[in-house]
Amino acid sequence: AGFAALVDELGEYRSQRLIDLNTFLQYAEASDTIVLDARSADAYARGHIDGAVNLPFSDFTQAKLDKLLGDESKRVLIYCNNNFSDDLEPVPLKRVELALNIPTFINLFGYGYENIYELEDVLSIEDERIRFVSGP
């Protein structure tokens, strides 16, 4: 019931927090910003946006989020497989309604992290503005 209530509550807020790639990249450069990759550790190791940190969605707890993200006012940027259209490793497509962005956004908010922005664009992983790197 609590999750369903947050989904209803955050619909409009989340829609105001969708940002294009240029804004995403600009925000990512700021010292008060973290790019969070909430995919599995294996998916993250196969390839992630350069500079992103990983905490798999299934591992979210208050303690782990606080340790990784720190101050709840910190800006958190999120992205998911469905931001990339190629359907290639390291970001194969998922069914859009099952993508991690929405539950990640809602959970971060529920844990007290409200300064969240989500990449809105659908891009090619070959877009030169994005650099994927592999490894932990």
C-alpha atoms as a PDB file:
ATOM      1  CA  ALA A   1       0.000   0.000   0.000  1.00  0.00           C
ATOM      2  CA  GLY A   2       2.841   2.382   0.835  1.00  0.00           C
ATOM      3  CA  PHE A   3       4.571   1.829  -2.495  1.00  0.00           C
ATOM      4  CA  ALA A   4       1.299   2.282  -4.410  1.00  0.00           C
ATOM      5  CA  ALA A   5       0.683   5.543  -2.533  1.00  0.00           C
ATOM      6  CA  LEU A   6       4.165   6.799  -3.448  1.00  0.00           C
ATOM      7  CA  VAL A   7       3.564   5.893  -7.103  1.00  0.00           C
ATOM      8  CA  ASP A   8       0.421   8.033  -7.106  1.00  0.00           C
ATOM      9  CA  GLU A   9       2.053  10.831  -5.142  1.00  0.00           C
ATOM     10  CA  LEU A  10       5.189  11.043  -7.292  1.00  0.00           C
ATOM     11  CA  GLY A  11       3.738  10.899 -10.802  1.00  0.00           C
ATOM     12  CA  GLU A  12       3.750  14.644 -11.408  1.00  0.00           C
ATOM     13  CA  TYR A  13       6.969  15.221  -9.450  1.00  0.00           C
ATOM     14  CA  ARG A  14       8.803  12.571 -11.453  1.00  0.00           C
ATOM     15  CA  SER A  15       7.577  14.015 -14.755  1.00  0.00           C
ATOM     16  CA  GLN A  16       9.223  17.314 -13.766  1.00  0.00           C
ATOM     17  CA  ARG A  17      12.502  15.522 -13.060  1.00  0.00           C
ATOM     18  CA  LEU A  18      13.008  13.969 -16.516  1.00  0.00           C
ATOM     19  CA  ILE A  19      16.023  15.571 -18.175  1.00  0.00           C
ATOM     20  CA  ASP A  20      17.661  15.425 -21.571  1.00  0.00           C
ATOM     21  CA  LEU A  21      21.159  14.047 -22.089  1.00  0.00           C
ATOM     22  CA  ASN A  22      22.884  17.430 -22.247  1.00  0.00           C
ATOM     23  CA  THR A  23      21.413  18.422 -18.879  1.00  0.00           C
ATOM     24  CA  PHE A  24      22.221  14.971 -17.462  1.00  0.00           C
ATOM     25  CA  LEU A  25      25.866  15.322 -18.520  1.00  0.00           C
ATOM     26  CA  GLN A  26      26.063  18.888 -17.217  1.00  0.00           C
ATOM     27  CA  TYR A  27      24.654  17.870 -13.829  1.00  0.00           C
ATOM     28  CA  ALA A  28      26.963  14.828 -13.705  1.00  0.00           C
ATOM     29  CA  GLU A  29      29.992  17.144 -13.667  1.00  0.00           C
ATOM     30  CA  ALA A  30      28.901  18.878 -10.455  1.00  0.00           C
ATOM     31  CA  SER A  31      30.571  17.848  -7.198  1.00  0.00           C
ATOM     32  CA  ASP A  32      27.203  17.589  -5.416  1.00  0.00           C
ATOM     33  CA  THR A  33      25.913  14.993  -7.895  1.00  0.00           C
ATOM     34  CA  ILE A  34      26.083  11.204  -8.090  1.00  0.00           C
ATOM     35  CA  VAL A  35      25.190   9.129 -11.140  1.00  0.00           C
ATOM     36  CA  LEU A  36      23.581   5.980  -9.781  1.00  0.00           C
ATOM     37  CA  ASP A  37      23.405   2.747 -11.739  1.00  0.00           C
ATOM     38  CA  ALA A  38      20.860   0.509  -9.980  1.00  0.00           C
ATOM     39  CA  ARG A  39      21.323  -2.477 -12.281  1.00  0.00           C
ATOM     40  CA  SER A  40      22.886  -5.702 -11.047  1.00  0.00           C
ATOM     41  CA  ALA A  41      26.563  -5.723 -10.148  1.00  0.00           C
ATOM     42  CA  ASP A  42      27.157  -8.032 -13.128  1.00  0.00           C
ATOM     43  CA  ALA A  43      25.413  -5.678 -15.568  1.00  0.00           C
ATOM     44  CA  TYR A  44      27.320  -2.728 -14.117  1.00  0.00           C
ATOM     45  CA  ALA A  45      30.644  -4.582 -14.501  1.00  0.00           C
ATOM     46  CA  ARG A  46      29.844  -5.379 -18.150  1.00  0.00           C
ATOM     47  CA  GLY A  47      29.396  -1.684 -18.865  1.00  0.00           C
ATOM     48  CA  HIS A  48      28.104   1.516 -17.325  1.00  0.00           C
ATOM     49  CA  ILE A  49      28.225   5.245 -17.904  1.00  0.00           C
ATOM     50  CA  ASP A  50      31.657   6.507 -16.958  1.00  0.00           C
ATOM     51  CA  GLY A  51      31.587   7.936 -13.447  1.00  0.00           C
ATOM     52  CA  ALA A  52      28.459   6.068 -12.327  1.00  0.00           C
ATOM     53  CA  VAL A  53      28.404   4.256  -9.009  1.00  0.00           C
ATOM     54  CA  ASN A  54      26.531   1.019  -8.490  1.00  0.00           C
ATOM     55  CA  LEU A  55      24.050  -0.118  -5.917  1.00  0.00           C
ATOM     56  CA  PRO A  56      21.759  -2.809  -7.301  1.00  0.00           C
ATOM     57  CA  PHE A  57      18.102  -1.961  -6.784  1.00  0.00           C
ATOM     58  CA  SER A  58      17.553  -5.224  -4.930  1.00  0.00           C
ATOM     59  CA  ASP A  59      20.194  -4.144  -2.382  1.00  0.00           C
ATOM     60  CA  PHE A  60      18.616  -0.792  -1.475  1.00  0.00           C
ATOM     61  CA  THR A  61      18.485  -0.273   2.277  1.00  0.00           C
ATOM     62  CA  GLN A  62      18.674   2.974   4.212  1.00  0.00           C
ATOM     63  CA  ALA A  63      22.150   2.112   5.488  1.00  0.00           C
ATOM     64  CA  LYS A  64      23.549   1.205   2.049  1.00  0.00           C
ATOM     65  CA  LEU A  65      22.037   4.261   0.361  1.00  0.00           C
ATOM     66  CA  ASP A  66      23.302   6.554   3.109  1.00  0.00           C
ATOM     67  CA  LYS A  67      26.799   5.072   2.853  1.00  0.00           C
ATOM     68  CA  LEU A  68      26.928   5.396  -0.938  1.00  0.00           C
ATOM     69  CA  LEU A  69      25.030   8.632  -1.478  1.00  0.00           C
ATOM     70  CA  GLY A  70      25.621  10.468   1.780  1.00  0.00           C
ATOM     71  CA  ASP A  71      23.722  13.695   2.284  1.00  0.00           C
ATOM     72  CA  GLU A  72      20.069  13.313   1.304  1.00  0.00           C
ATOM     73  CA  SER A  73      20.149  16.696  -0.443  1.00  0.00           C
ATOM     74  CA  LYS A  74      22.764  15.424  -2.900  1.00  0.00           C
ATOM     75  CA  ARG A  75      21.558  15.365  -6.502  1.00  0.00           C
ATOM     76  CA  VAL A  76      21.150  11.805  -7.796  1.00  0.00           C
ATOM     77  CA  LEU A  77      20.992  11.045 -11.526  1.00  0.00           C
ATOM     78  CA  ILE A  78      19.536   7.742 -12.692  1.00  0.00           C
ATOM     79  CA  TYR A  79      19.406   5.892 -15.986  1.00  0.00           C
ATOM     80  CA  CYS A  80      18.385   2.420 -17.118  1.00  0.00           C
ATOM     81  CA  ASN A  81      18.664  -0.011 -20.009  1.00  0.00           C
ATOM     82  CA  ASN A  82      15.622   1.548 -21.620  1.00  0.00           C
ATOM     83  CA  ASN A  83      17.450   4.823 -22.157  1.00  0.00           C
ATOM     84  CA  PHE A  84      19.382   3.020 -24.912  1.00  0.00           C
ATOM     85  CA  SER A  85      17.766   1.805 -28.116  1.00  0.00           C
ATOM     86  CA  ASP A  86      20.389  -0.577 -29.497  1.00  0.00           C
ATOM     87  CA  ASP A  87      19.348  -3.663 -27.520  1.00  0.00           C
ATOM     88  CA  LEU A  88      23.034  -4.549 -27.148  1.00  0.00           C
ATOM     89  CA  GLU A  89      25.266  -5.364 -24.220  1.00  0.00           C
ATOM     90  CA  PRO A  90      25.860  -3.781 -21.807  1.00  0.00           C
ATOM     91  CA  VAL A  91      22.305  -2.404 -21.890  1.00  0.00           C
ATOM     92  CA  PRO A  92      19.868  -4.852 -23.493  1.00  0.00           C
ATOM     93  CA  LEU A  93      16.311  -3.566 -23.699  1.00  0.00           C
ATOM     94  CA  LYS A  94      13.763  -4.501 -21.100  1.00  0.00           C
ATOM     95  CA  ARG A  95      10.025  -4.212 -21.394  1.00  0.00           C
ATOM     96  CA  VAL A  96       9.499  -0.486 -20.928  1.00  0.00           C
ATOM     97  CA  GLU A  97       6.896  -0.919 -18.214  1.00  0.00           C
ATOM     98  CA  LEU A  98       9.381  -3.045 -16.241  1.00  0.00           C
ATOM     99  CA  ALA A  99      12.385  -0.758 -16.524  1.00  0.00           C
ATOM    100  CA  LEU A 100      14.185   0.130 -13.307  1.00  0.00           C
ATOM    101  CA  ASN A 101      13.917   3.916 -13.558  1.00  0.00           C
ATOM    102  CA  ILE A 102      10.440   4.160 -12.047  1.00  0.00           C
ATOM    103  CA  PRO A 103      10.940   1.864  -9.026  1.00  0.00           C
ATOM    104  CA  THR A 104      14.431   3.303  -8.485  1.00  0.00           C
ATOM    105  CA  PHE A 105      13.036   6.834  -8.457  1.00  0.00           C
ATOM    106  CA  ILE A 106      10.218   5.893  -6.093  1.00  0.00           C
ATOM    107  CA  ASN A 107      12.495   3.969  -3.723  1.00  0.00           C
ATOM    108  CA  LEU A 108      15.103   6.723  -3.587  1.00  0.00           C
ATOM    109  CA  PHE A 109      12.373   9.208  -2.735  1.00  0.00           C
ATOM    110  CA  GLY A 110      10.935   6.859  -0.134  1.00  0.00           C
ATOM    111  CA  TYR A 111      14.365   6.565   1.500  1.00  0.00           C
ATOM    112  CA  GLY A 112      14.599  10.364   1.736  1.00  0.00           C
ATOM    113  CA  TYR A 113      16.549  11.190  -1.428  1.00  0.00           C
ATOM    114  CA  GLU A 114      14.268  13.677  -3.173  1.00  0.00           C
ATOM    115  CA  ASN A 115      16.772  15.510  -5.392  1.00  0.00           C
ATOM    116  CA  ILE A 116      16.514  12.880  -8.133  1.00  0.00           C
ATOM    117  CA  TYR A 117      16.713  13.409 -11.882  1.00  0.00           C
ATOM    118  CA  GLU A 118      16.103  10.759 -14.494  1.00  0.00           C
ATOM    119  CA  LEU A 119      17.522  10.582 -18.004  1.00  0.00           C
ATOM    120  CA  GLU A 120      14.565  10.946 -20.342  1.00  0.00           C
ATOM    121  CA  ASP A 121      16.200  10.500 -23.745  1.00  0.00           C
ATOM    122  CA  VAL A 122      16.428   7.238 -25.650  1.00  0.00           C
ATOM    123  CA  LEU A 123      19.881   7.090 -27.208  1.00  0.00           C
ATOM    124  CA  SER A 124      22.309   4.832 -28.975  1.00  0.00           C
ATOM    125  CA  ILE A 125      25.091   3.413 -26.826  1.00  0.00           C
ATOM    126  CA  GLU A 126      27.339   4.639 -29.621  1.00  0.00           C
ATOM    127  CA  ASP A 127      26.357   8.265 -28.966  1.00  0.00           C
ATOM    128  CA  GLU A 128      29.727   9.989 -28.605  1.00  0.00           C
ATOM    129  CA  ARG A 129      28.465  12.140 -25.729  1.00  0.00           C
ATOM    130  CA  ILE A 130      28.210   9.051 -23.511  1.00  0.00           C
ATOM    131  CA  ARG A 131      31.154   6.932 -22.588  1.00  0.00           C
ATOM    132  CA  PHE A 132      30.538   3.385 -21.405  1.00  0.00           C
ATOM    133  CA  VAL A 133      33.265   1.737 -19.392  1.00  0.00           C
ATOM    134  CA  SER A 134      33.492  -1.762 -17.983  1.00  0.00           C
ATOM    135  CA  GLY A 135      34.718  -3.121 -14.694  1.00  0.00           C
ATOM    136  CA  PRO A 136      33.796  -2.436 -11.103  1.00  0.00           C
END
